[in-house]
């Protein structure tokens, strides 16, 4: 690909995420396909939001058509989603025990780990399927149609 296909990724990834999500209008901290002005993230001009979670000014994450960025307890990260090799979603991502916020970990190619909080329960479908899009669908992006 000669230019980065933000629009194609945005359409296909949001479709992938929305098809697997339940009741996104009831999520408290997480939004699909729209920015949250409270988040201190400066996107590239063509970059589009996929999943945006704002828990507090010290706890937020964005999954975009180019990056995954976030902040947790004073530690921030801004990575390529193509660098993620594995992911873990805490002990209660489905909120079975009533936890509303979980902590996720992403393992990167360089063996570093980044951590961020996510909204547990139904909203967990947003970030997990954003990661799965990058790991499963993006490698075959040229073969997918909008």
N, C-alpha and C. Protein backbone atom coordinates (compact mmCIF):
# COMPACT_ATOMS: atom_id res chain seq x y z
N UNK A 1 0.83 -1.18 0.00
CA UNK A 1 0.00 0.00 0.00
C UNK A 1 0.88 1.24 0.00
N UNK A 2 0.61 2.15 -0.91
CA UNK A 2 1.44 3.35 -1.01
C UNK A 2 1.07 4.39 0.05
N UNK A 3 -0.20 4.55 0.38
CA UNK A 3 -0.61 5.45 1.46
C UNK A 3 -1.35 4.63 2.50
N UNK A 4 -1.33 5.11 3.74
CA UNK A 4 -1.98 4.37 4.81
C UNK A 4 -3.49 4.45 4.63
N UNK A 5 -4.19 3.34 4.63
CA UNK A 5 -5.63 3.29 4.30
C UNK A 5 -6.54 3.56 5.51
N UNK A 6 -6.42 4.76 6.10
CA UNK A 6 -7.21 5.08 7.29
C UNK A 6 -8.71 4.84 7.08
N UNK A 7 -9.25 5.33 5.97
CA UNK A 7 -10.69 5.22 5.74
C UNK A 7 -11.13 3.77 5.64
N UNK A 8 -10.39 2.95 4.92
CA UNK A 8 -10.74 1.54 4.78
C UNK A 8 -10.66 0.83 6.13
N UNK A 9 -9.59 1.09 6.88
CA UNK A 9 -9.45 0.48 8.20
C UNK A 9 -10.60 0.92 9.10
N UNK A 10 -10.94 2.22 9.06
CA UNK A 10 -12.00 2.74 9.91
C UNK A 10 -13.33 2.04 9.62
N UNK A 11 -13.68 1.92 8.35
CA UNK A 11 -14.94 1.28 7.97
C UNK A 11 -14.94 -0.20 8.36
N UNK A 12 -13.90 -0.93 7.98
CA UNK A 12 -13.86 -2.37 8.24
C UNK A 12 -13.72 -2.70 9.73
N UNK A 13 -12.87 -1.96 10.43
CA UNK A 13 -12.68 -2.24 11.86
C UNK A 13 -13.93 -1.92 12.65
N UNK A 14 -14.56 -0.78 12.37
CA UNK A 14 -15.78 -0.45 13.09
C UNK A 14 -16.89 -1.47 12.80
N UNK A 15 -16.98 -1.92 11.57
CA UNK A 15 -17.96 -2.96 11.25
C UNK A 15 -17.67 -4.23 12.06
N UNK A 16 -16.40 -4.63 12.07
CA UNK A 16 -15.97 -5.81 12.83
C UNK A 16 -16.33 -5.66 14.31
N UNK A 17 -16.05 -4.51 14.89
CA UNK A 17 -16.29 -4.28 16.31
C UNK A 17 -17.80 -4.19 16.60
N UNK A 18 -18.52 -3.42 15.80
CA UNK A 18 -19.96 -3.24 16.05
C UNK A 18 -20.75 -4.54 15.91
N UNK A 19 -20.35 -5.39 14.97
CA UNK A 19 -21.05 -6.67 14.79
C UNK A 19 -20.92 -7.56 16.02
N UNK A 20 -19.91 -7.33 16.83
CA UNK A 20 -19.64 -8.17 17.99
C UNK A 20 -19.98 -7.48 19.31
N UNK A 21 -20.49 -6.27 19.24
CA UNK A 21 -20.77 -5.47 20.44
C UNK A 21 -22.26 -5.49 20.77
N UNK A 22 -22.54 -5.37 22.06
CA UNK A 22 -23.92 -5.31 22.52
C UNK A 22 -24.16 -4.02 23.31
N UNK A 23 -25.22 -3.34 22.99
CA UNK A 23 -25.69 -2.15 23.71
C UNK A 23 -24.64 -1.06 23.89
N UNK A 24 -23.93 -0.65 22.83
CA UNK A 24 -22.91 0.39 23.01
C UNK A 24 -23.47 1.73 23.50
N UNK A 25 -24.74 1.99 23.28
CA UNK A 25 -25.34 3.23 23.77
C UNK A 25 -25.46 3.24 25.30
N UNK A 26 -25.27 2.09 25.94
CA UNK A 26 -25.35 1.99 27.40
C UNK A 26 -23.97 1.97 28.06
N UNK A 27 -22.92 1.96 27.27
CA UNK A 27 -21.58 1.95 27.84
C UNK A 27 -21.31 3.29 28.52
N UNK A 28 -20.64 3.26 29.66
CA UNK A 28 -20.41 4.47 30.43
C UNK A 28 -19.15 5.23 30.03
N UNK A 29 -18.07 4.52 29.73
CA UNK A 29 -16.77 5.14 29.51
C UNK A 29 -16.23 4.97 28.09
N UNK A 30 -16.86 4.14 27.30
CA UNK A 30 -16.30 3.72 26.01
C UNK A 30 -17.20 4.16 24.87
N UNK A 31 -16.56 4.67 23.81
CA UNK A 31 -17.29 5.10 22.60
C UNK A 31 -16.66 4.45 21.38
N UNK A 32 -17.49 4.19 20.38
CA UNK A 32 -17.02 3.63 19.11
C UNK A 32 -17.05 4.71 18.03
N UNK A 33 -15.92 4.88 17.35
CA UNK A 33 -15.87 5.73 16.17
C UNK A 33 -15.91 7.22 16.41
N UNK A 34 -15.72 7.67 17.64
CA UNK A 34 -15.73 9.11 17.90
C UNK A 34 -14.68 9.47 18.95
N UNK A 35 -14.11 10.65 18.81
CA UNK A 35 -13.11 11.16 19.75
C UNK A 35 -13.77 11.62 21.04
N UNK A 36 -13.02 11.67 22.10
CA UNK A 36 -13.43 12.27 23.37
C UNK A 36 -12.48 13.43 23.63
N UNK A 37 -13.01 14.64 23.65
CA UNK A 37 -12.17 15.84 23.77
C UNK A 37 -11.41 15.91 25.09
N UNK A 38 -11.76 15.10 26.06
CA UNK A 38 -11.04 15.10 27.35
C UNK A 38 -9.71 14.35 27.28
N UNK A 39 -9.50 13.61 26.21
CA UNK A 39 -8.29 12.79 26.09
C UNK A 39 -7.17 13.59 25.45
N UNK A 40 -6.01 13.52 26.07
CA UNK A 40 -4.83 14.25 25.59
C UNK A 40 -4.10 13.42 24.53
N UNK A 41 -4.69 13.36 23.35
CA UNK A 41 -4.08 12.62 22.26
C UNK A 41 -4.15 13.48 21.01
N UNK A 42 -3.03 13.59 20.32
CA UNK A 42 -2.95 14.43 19.12
C UNK A 42 -2.85 13.51 17.89
N UNK A 43 -3.96 13.26 17.21
CA UNK A 43 -3.93 12.32 16.09
C UNK A 43 -3.32 12.91 14.83
N UNK A 44 -2.83 12.03 13.99
CA UNK A 44 -2.41 12.39 12.63
C UNK A 44 -3.64 12.92 11.91
N UNK A 45 -3.46 13.77 10.93
CA UNK A 45 -4.58 14.42 10.24
C UNK A 45 -5.61 13.42 9.69
N UNK A 46 -5.17 12.29 9.16
CA UNK A 46 -6.09 11.33 8.55
C UNK A 46 -6.55 10.24 9.53
N UNK A 47 -5.97 10.21 10.71
CA UNK A 47 -6.26 9.16 11.68
C UNK A 47 -7.70 9.25 12.18
N UNK A 48 -8.34 8.09 12.33
CA UNK A 48 -9.74 8.04 12.77
C UNK A 48 -9.86 7.19 14.03
N UNK A 49 -10.77 7.53 14.93
CA UNK A 49 -10.94 6.75 16.17
C UNK A 49 -11.74 5.47 15.92
N UNK A 50 -11.33 4.40 16.57
CA UNK A 50 -12.08 3.15 16.54
C UNK A 50 -12.78 2.95 17.89
N UNK A 51 -11.99 2.82 18.95
CA UNK A 51 -12.52 2.64 20.31
C UNK A 51 -11.81 3.64 21.21
N UNK A 52 -12.59 4.43 21.93
CA UNK A 52 -12.05 5.47 22.81
C UNK A 52 -12.66 5.26 24.19
N UNK A 53 -11.81 5.12 25.21
CA UNK A 53 -12.27 4.93 26.59
C UNK A 53 -11.67 6.00 27.46
N UNK A 54 -12.53 6.72 28.17
CA UNK A 54 -12.09 7.73 29.14
C UNK A 54 -12.66 7.37 30.49
N UNK A 55 -11.76 6.94 31.40
CA UNK A 55 -12.16 6.65 32.78
C UNK A 55 -11.90 7.87 33.63
N UNK A 56 -10.72 8.49 33.44
CA UNK A 56 -10.34 9.71 34.14
C UNK A 56 -9.19 10.36 33.38
N UNK A 57 -8.75 11.53 33.81
CA UNK A 57 -7.63 12.19 33.12
C UNK A 57 -6.34 11.37 33.23
N UNK A 58 -6.25 10.49 34.20
CA UNK A 58 -5.06 9.64 34.32
C UNK A 58 -5.30 8.21 33.82
N UNK A 59 -6.49 7.95 33.28
CA UNK A 59 -6.80 6.61 32.79
C UNK A 59 -7.68 6.70 31.56
N UNK A 60 -7.06 6.51 30.39
CA UNK A 60 -7.77 6.56 29.12
C UNK A 60 -7.02 5.74 28.08
N UNK A 61 -7.73 5.38 27.02
CA UNK A 61 -7.07 4.69 25.90
C UNK A 61 -7.80 5.03 24.60
N UNK A 62 -7.04 4.99 23.52
CA UNK A 62 -7.60 5.18 22.18
C UNK A 62 -7.02 4.11 21.26
N UNK A 63 -7.90 3.49 20.50
CA UNK A 63 -7.54 2.57 19.44
C UNK A 63 -7.95 3.29 18.16
N UNK A 64 -6.99 3.55 17.28
CA UNK A 64 -7.28 4.32 16.08
C UNK A 64 -6.93 3.52 14.84
N UNK A 65 -7.06 4.18 13.71
CA UNK A 65 -6.70 3.55 12.44
C UNK A 65 -5.19 3.47 12.26
N UNK A 66 -4.42 4.02 13.20
CA UNK A 66 -2.95 3.97 13.11
C UNK A 66 -2.25 3.55 14.39
N UNK A 67 -2.83 3.86 15.54
CA UNK A 67 -2.11 3.72 16.80
C UNK A 67 -3.02 3.16 17.89
N UNK A 68 -2.36 2.74 18.96
CA UNK A 68 -3.02 2.48 20.24
C UNK A 68 -2.26 3.34 21.24
N UNK A 69 -2.98 4.17 21.95
CA UNK A 69 -2.33 5.07 22.92
C UNK A 69 -3.15 5.05 24.20
N UNK A 70 -2.49 5.43 25.28
CA UNK A 70 -3.23 5.47 26.54
C UNK A 70 -2.38 6.00 27.66
N UNK A 71 -3.03 6.12 28.80
CA UNK A 71 -2.38 6.59 30.01
C UNK A 71 -2.99 5.85 31.19
N UNK A 72 -2.13 5.46 32.11
CA UNK A 72 -2.58 4.80 33.33
C UNK A 72 -1.62 5.16 34.45
N UNK A 73 -2.13 5.82 35.47
CA UNK A 73 -1.36 6.17 36.66
C UNK A 73 -0.04 6.87 36.34
N UNK A 74 -0.07 7.83 35.43
CA UNK A 74 1.11 8.62 35.10
C UNK A 74 2.03 8.01 34.06
N UNK A 75 1.74 6.80 33.63
CA UNK A 75 2.54 6.16 32.59
C UNK A 75 1.73 6.15 31.30
N UNK A 76 2.32 6.70 30.23
CA UNK A 76 1.58 6.74 28.97
C UNK A 76 2.31 5.93 27.90
N UNK A 77 1.58 5.58 26.86
CA UNK A 77 2.15 4.83 25.75
C UNK A 77 1.48 5.26 24.46
N UNK A 78 2.19 5.06 23.36
CA UNK A 78 1.68 5.35 22.02
C UNK A 78 2.39 4.36 21.10
N UNK A 79 1.69 3.33 20.67
CA UNK A 79 2.32 2.22 19.96
C UNK A 79 1.61 1.94 18.64
N UNK A 80 2.30 1.23 17.78
CA UNK A 80 1.67 0.71 16.58
C UNK A 80 0.89 -0.55 16.95
N UNK A 81 -0.36 -0.69 16.50
CA UNK A 81 -1.08 -1.93 16.78
C UNK A 81 -0.42 -3.15 16.12
N UNK A 82 0.43 -2.91 15.12
CA UNK A 82 1.12 -4.01 14.46
C UNK A 82 2.21 -4.61 15.34
N UNK A 83 2.57 -3.91 16.43
CA UNK A 83 3.59 -4.41 17.35
C UNK A 83 3.03 -5.32 18.43
N UNK A 84 1.71 -5.43 18.53
CA UNK A 84 1.08 -6.25 19.57
C UNK A 84 1.15 -7.73 19.16
N UNK A 85 1.68 -8.56 20.07
CA UNK A 85 1.77 -10.00 19.80
C UNK A 85 0.84 -10.82 20.69
N UNK A 86 0.40 -10.23 21.80
CA UNK A 86 -0.52 -10.95 22.69
C UNK A 86 -1.26 -9.94 23.55
N UNK A 87 -2.37 -10.38 24.14
CA UNK A 87 -3.17 -9.49 24.98
C UNK A 87 -3.81 -10.26 26.11
N UNK A 88 -3.95 -9.59 27.27
CA UNK A 88 -4.61 -10.17 28.44
C UNK A 88 -5.58 -9.13 29.00
N UNK A 89 -6.72 -9.61 29.51
CA UNK A 89 -7.81 -8.70 29.90
C UNK A 89 -8.20 -8.84 31.35
N UNK A 90 -7.25 -9.02 32.24
CA UNK A 90 -7.54 -9.04 33.67
C UNK A 90 -8.30 -10.28 34.10
N UNK A 91 -8.89 -10.19 35.30
CA UNK A 91 -9.52 -11.35 35.90
C UNK A 91 -11.04 -11.39 35.72
N UNK A 92 -11.65 -10.26 35.33
CA UNK A 92 -13.11 -10.23 35.21
C UNK A 92 -13.57 -9.33 34.07
N UNK A 93 -13.11 -9.56 32.84
CA UNK A 93 -13.47 -8.65 31.75
C UNK A 93 -14.96 -8.60 31.44
N UNK A 94 -15.68 -9.67 31.72
CA UNK A 94 -17.12 -9.70 31.45
C UNK A 94 -17.95 -9.13 32.60
N UNK A 95 -17.27 -8.69 33.67
CA UNK A 95 -17.92 -8.10 34.85
C UNK A 95 -18.84 -9.09 35.56
N UNK A 96 -18.49 -10.36 35.54
CA UNK A 96 -19.28 -11.38 36.22
C UNK A 96 -19.31 -11.12 37.72
N UNK A 97 -18.18 -10.70 38.27
CA UNK A 97 -18.11 -10.41 39.71
C UNK A 97 -18.42 -8.95 40.02
N UNK A 98 -18.87 -8.23 39.02
CA UNK A 98 -19.31 -6.85 39.25
C UNK A 98 -18.25 -5.78 39.10
N UNK A 99 -17.05 -6.13 38.68
CA UNK A 99 -16.02 -5.12 38.47
C UNK A 99 -16.37 -4.30 37.23
N UNK A 100 -16.36 -2.97 37.35
CA UNK A 100 -16.73 -2.14 36.20
C UNK A 100 -15.51 -1.71 35.37
N UNK A 101 -14.33 -1.77 35.97
CA UNK A 101 -13.09 -1.40 35.27
C UNK A 101 -12.09 -2.52 35.43
N UNK A 102 -11.46 -2.91 34.32
CA UNK A 102 -10.42 -3.93 34.35
C UNK A 102 -9.12 -3.36 33.83
N UNK A 103 -8.04 -4.08 34.02
CA UNK A 103 -6.74 -3.66 33.51
C UNK A 103 -6.27 -4.67 32.48
N UNK A 104 -5.97 -4.16 31.28
CA UNK A 104 -5.49 -5.00 30.19
C UNK A 104 -3.98 -4.85 30.04
N UNK A 105 -3.36 -5.85 29.47
CA UNK A 105 -1.94 -5.81 29.15
C UNK A 105 -1.75 -6.23 27.70
N UNK A 106 -0.92 -5.47 26.98
CA UNK A 106 -0.56 -5.80 25.61
C UNK A 106 0.93 -6.12 25.58
N UNK A 107 1.28 -7.30 25.08
CA UNK A 107 2.68 -7.68 24.90
C UNK A 107 3.11 -7.24 23.51
N UNK A 108 4.29 -6.61 23.43
CA UNK A 108 4.78 -6.10 22.17
C UNK A 108 5.95 -6.93 21.66
N UNK A 109 6.25 -6.77 20.36
CA UNK A 109 7.36 -7.51 19.74
C UNK A 109 8.67 -7.34 20.50
N UNK A 110 8.91 -6.15 21.04
CA UNK A 110 10.20 -5.90 21.72
C UNK A 110 10.19 -6.38 23.17
N UNK A 111 9.18 -7.16 23.54
CA UNK A 111 9.03 -7.77 24.86
C UNK A 111 8.62 -6.79 25.96
N UNK A 112 8.24 -5.58 25.60
CA UNK A 112 7.69 -4.67 26.59
C UNK A 112 6.19 -4.96 26.73
N UNK A 113 5.63 -4.49 27.81
CA UNK A 113 4.22 -4.67 28.10
C UNK A 113 3.63 -3.30 28.39
N UNK A 114 2.51 -2.98 27.77
CA UNK A 114 1.81 -1.75 28.10
C UNK A 114 0.49 -2.12 28.79
N UNK A 115 0.08 -1.27 29.73
CA UNK A 115 -1.12 -1.52 30.52
C UNK A 115 -2.08 -0.35 30.36
N UNK A 116 -3.37 -0.66 30.37
CA UNK A 116 -4.40 0.37 30.35
C UNK A 116 -5.67 -0.19 30.96
N UNK A 117 -6.53 0.70 31.41
CA UNK A 117 -7.81 0.27 31.96
C UNK A 117 -8.86 0.25 30.85
N UNK A 118 -9.82 -0.65 31.00
CA UNK A 118 -10.91 -0.76 30.05
C UNK A 118 -12.21 -0.91 30.83
N UNK A 119 -13.30 -0.56 30.19
CA UNK A 119 -14.61 -0.74 30.79
C UNK A 119 -15.02 -2.20 30.66
N UNK A 120 -15.24 -2.85 31.79
CA UNK A 120 -15.61 -4.26 31.80
C UNK A 120 -17.08 -4.43 31.41
N UNK A 121 -17.48 -5.67 31.22
CA UNK A 121 -18.85 -5.96 30.82
C UNK A 121 -18.99 -5.89 29.31
N UNK A 122 -20.14 -5.45 28.85
CA UNK A 122 -20.40 -5.42 27.41
C UNK A 122 -19.43 -4.53 26.65
N UNK A 123 -18.96 -3.45 27.28
CA UNK A 123 -18.03 -2.52 26.62
C UNK A 123 -16.67 -3.14 26.35
N UNK A 124 -16.35 -4.22 27.01
CA UNK A 124 -15.09 -4.93 26.78
C UNK A 124 -14.98 -5.39 25.32
N UNK A 125 -16.12 -5.56 24.66
CA UNK A 125 -16.10 -5.99 23.26
C UNK A 125 -15.42 -4.96 22.36
N UNK A 126 -15.45 -3.69 22.72
CA UNK A 126 -14.80 -2.66 21.91
C UNK A 126 -13.30 -2.87 21.77
N UNK A 127 -12.55 -2.77 22.87
CA UNK A 127 -11.09 -2.92 22.74
C UNK A 127 -10.62 -4.31 22.34
N UNK A 128 -11.29 -5.36 22.82
CA UNK A 128 -10.80 -6.69 22.46
C UNK A 128 -10.97 -6.93 20.96
N UNK A 129 -12.06 -6.45 20.39
CA UNK A 129 -12.24 -6.69 18.96
C UNK A 129 -11.45 -5.69 18.11
N UNK A 130 -11.06 -4.57 18.67
CA UNK A 130 -10.12 -3.69 17.98
C UNK A 130 -8.77 -4.41 17.86
N UNK A 131 -8.31 -5.01 18.95
CA UNK A 131 -7.05 -5.79 18.92
C UNK A 131 -7.17 -6.95 17.94
N UNK A 132 -8.27 -7.66 18.00
CA UNK A 132 -8.44 -8.81 17.11
C UNK A 132 -8.48 -8.37 15.64
N UNK A 133 -9.07 -7.21 15.36
CA UNK A 133 -9.04 -6.71 13.98
C UNK A 133 -7.59 -6.58 13.52
N UNK A 134 -6.75 -5.94 14.34
CA UNK A 134 -5.35 -5.73 13.95
C UNK A 134 -4.60 -7.04 13.79
N UNK A 135 -4.90 -8.03 14.62
CA UNK A 135 -4.17 -9.29 14.57
C UNK A 135 -4.69 -10.22 13.47
N UNK A 136 -5.99 -10.18 13.18
CA UNK A 136 -6.59 -11.15 12.26
C UNK A 136 -6.91 -10.54 10.89
N UNK A 137 -7.56 -9.39 10.90
CA UNK A 137 -8.05 -8.80 9.65
C UNK A 137 -7.00 -7.94 8.94
N UNK A 138 -6.23 -7.17 9.69
CA UNK A 138 -5.28 -6.27 9.04
C UNK A 138 -4.27 -6.99 8.15
N UNK A 139 -3.76 -8.16 8.53
CA UNK A 139 -2.81 -8.84 7.64
C UNK A 139 -3.37 -9.16 6.25
N UNK A 140 -4.69 -9.25 6.13
CA UNK A 140 -5.30 -9.54 4.84
C UNK A 140 -6.13 -8.35 4.33
N UNK A 141 -5.79 -7.16 4.78
CA UNK A 141 -6.56 -5.96 4.45
C UNK A 141 -6.73 -5.75 2.95
N UNK A 142 -5.69 -6.02 2.19
CA UNK A 142 -5.76 -5.83 0.73
C UNK A 142 -6.82 -6.72 0.08
N UNK A 143 -7.16 -7.82 0.72
CA UNK A 143 -8.15 -8.75 0.18
C UNK A 143 -9.58 -8.45 0.64
N UNK A 144 -9.73 -7.51 1.56
CA UNK A 144 -11.06 -7.19 2.10
C UNK A 144 -11.68 -6.03 1.33
N UNK A 145 -12.98 -6.08 1.17
CA UNK A 145 -13.69 -4.99 0.49
C UNK A 145 -14.56 -4.23 1.49
N UNK A 146 -14.73 -2.97 1.19
CA UNK A 146 -15.51 -2.10 2.07
C UNK A 146 -16.99 -2.30 1.84
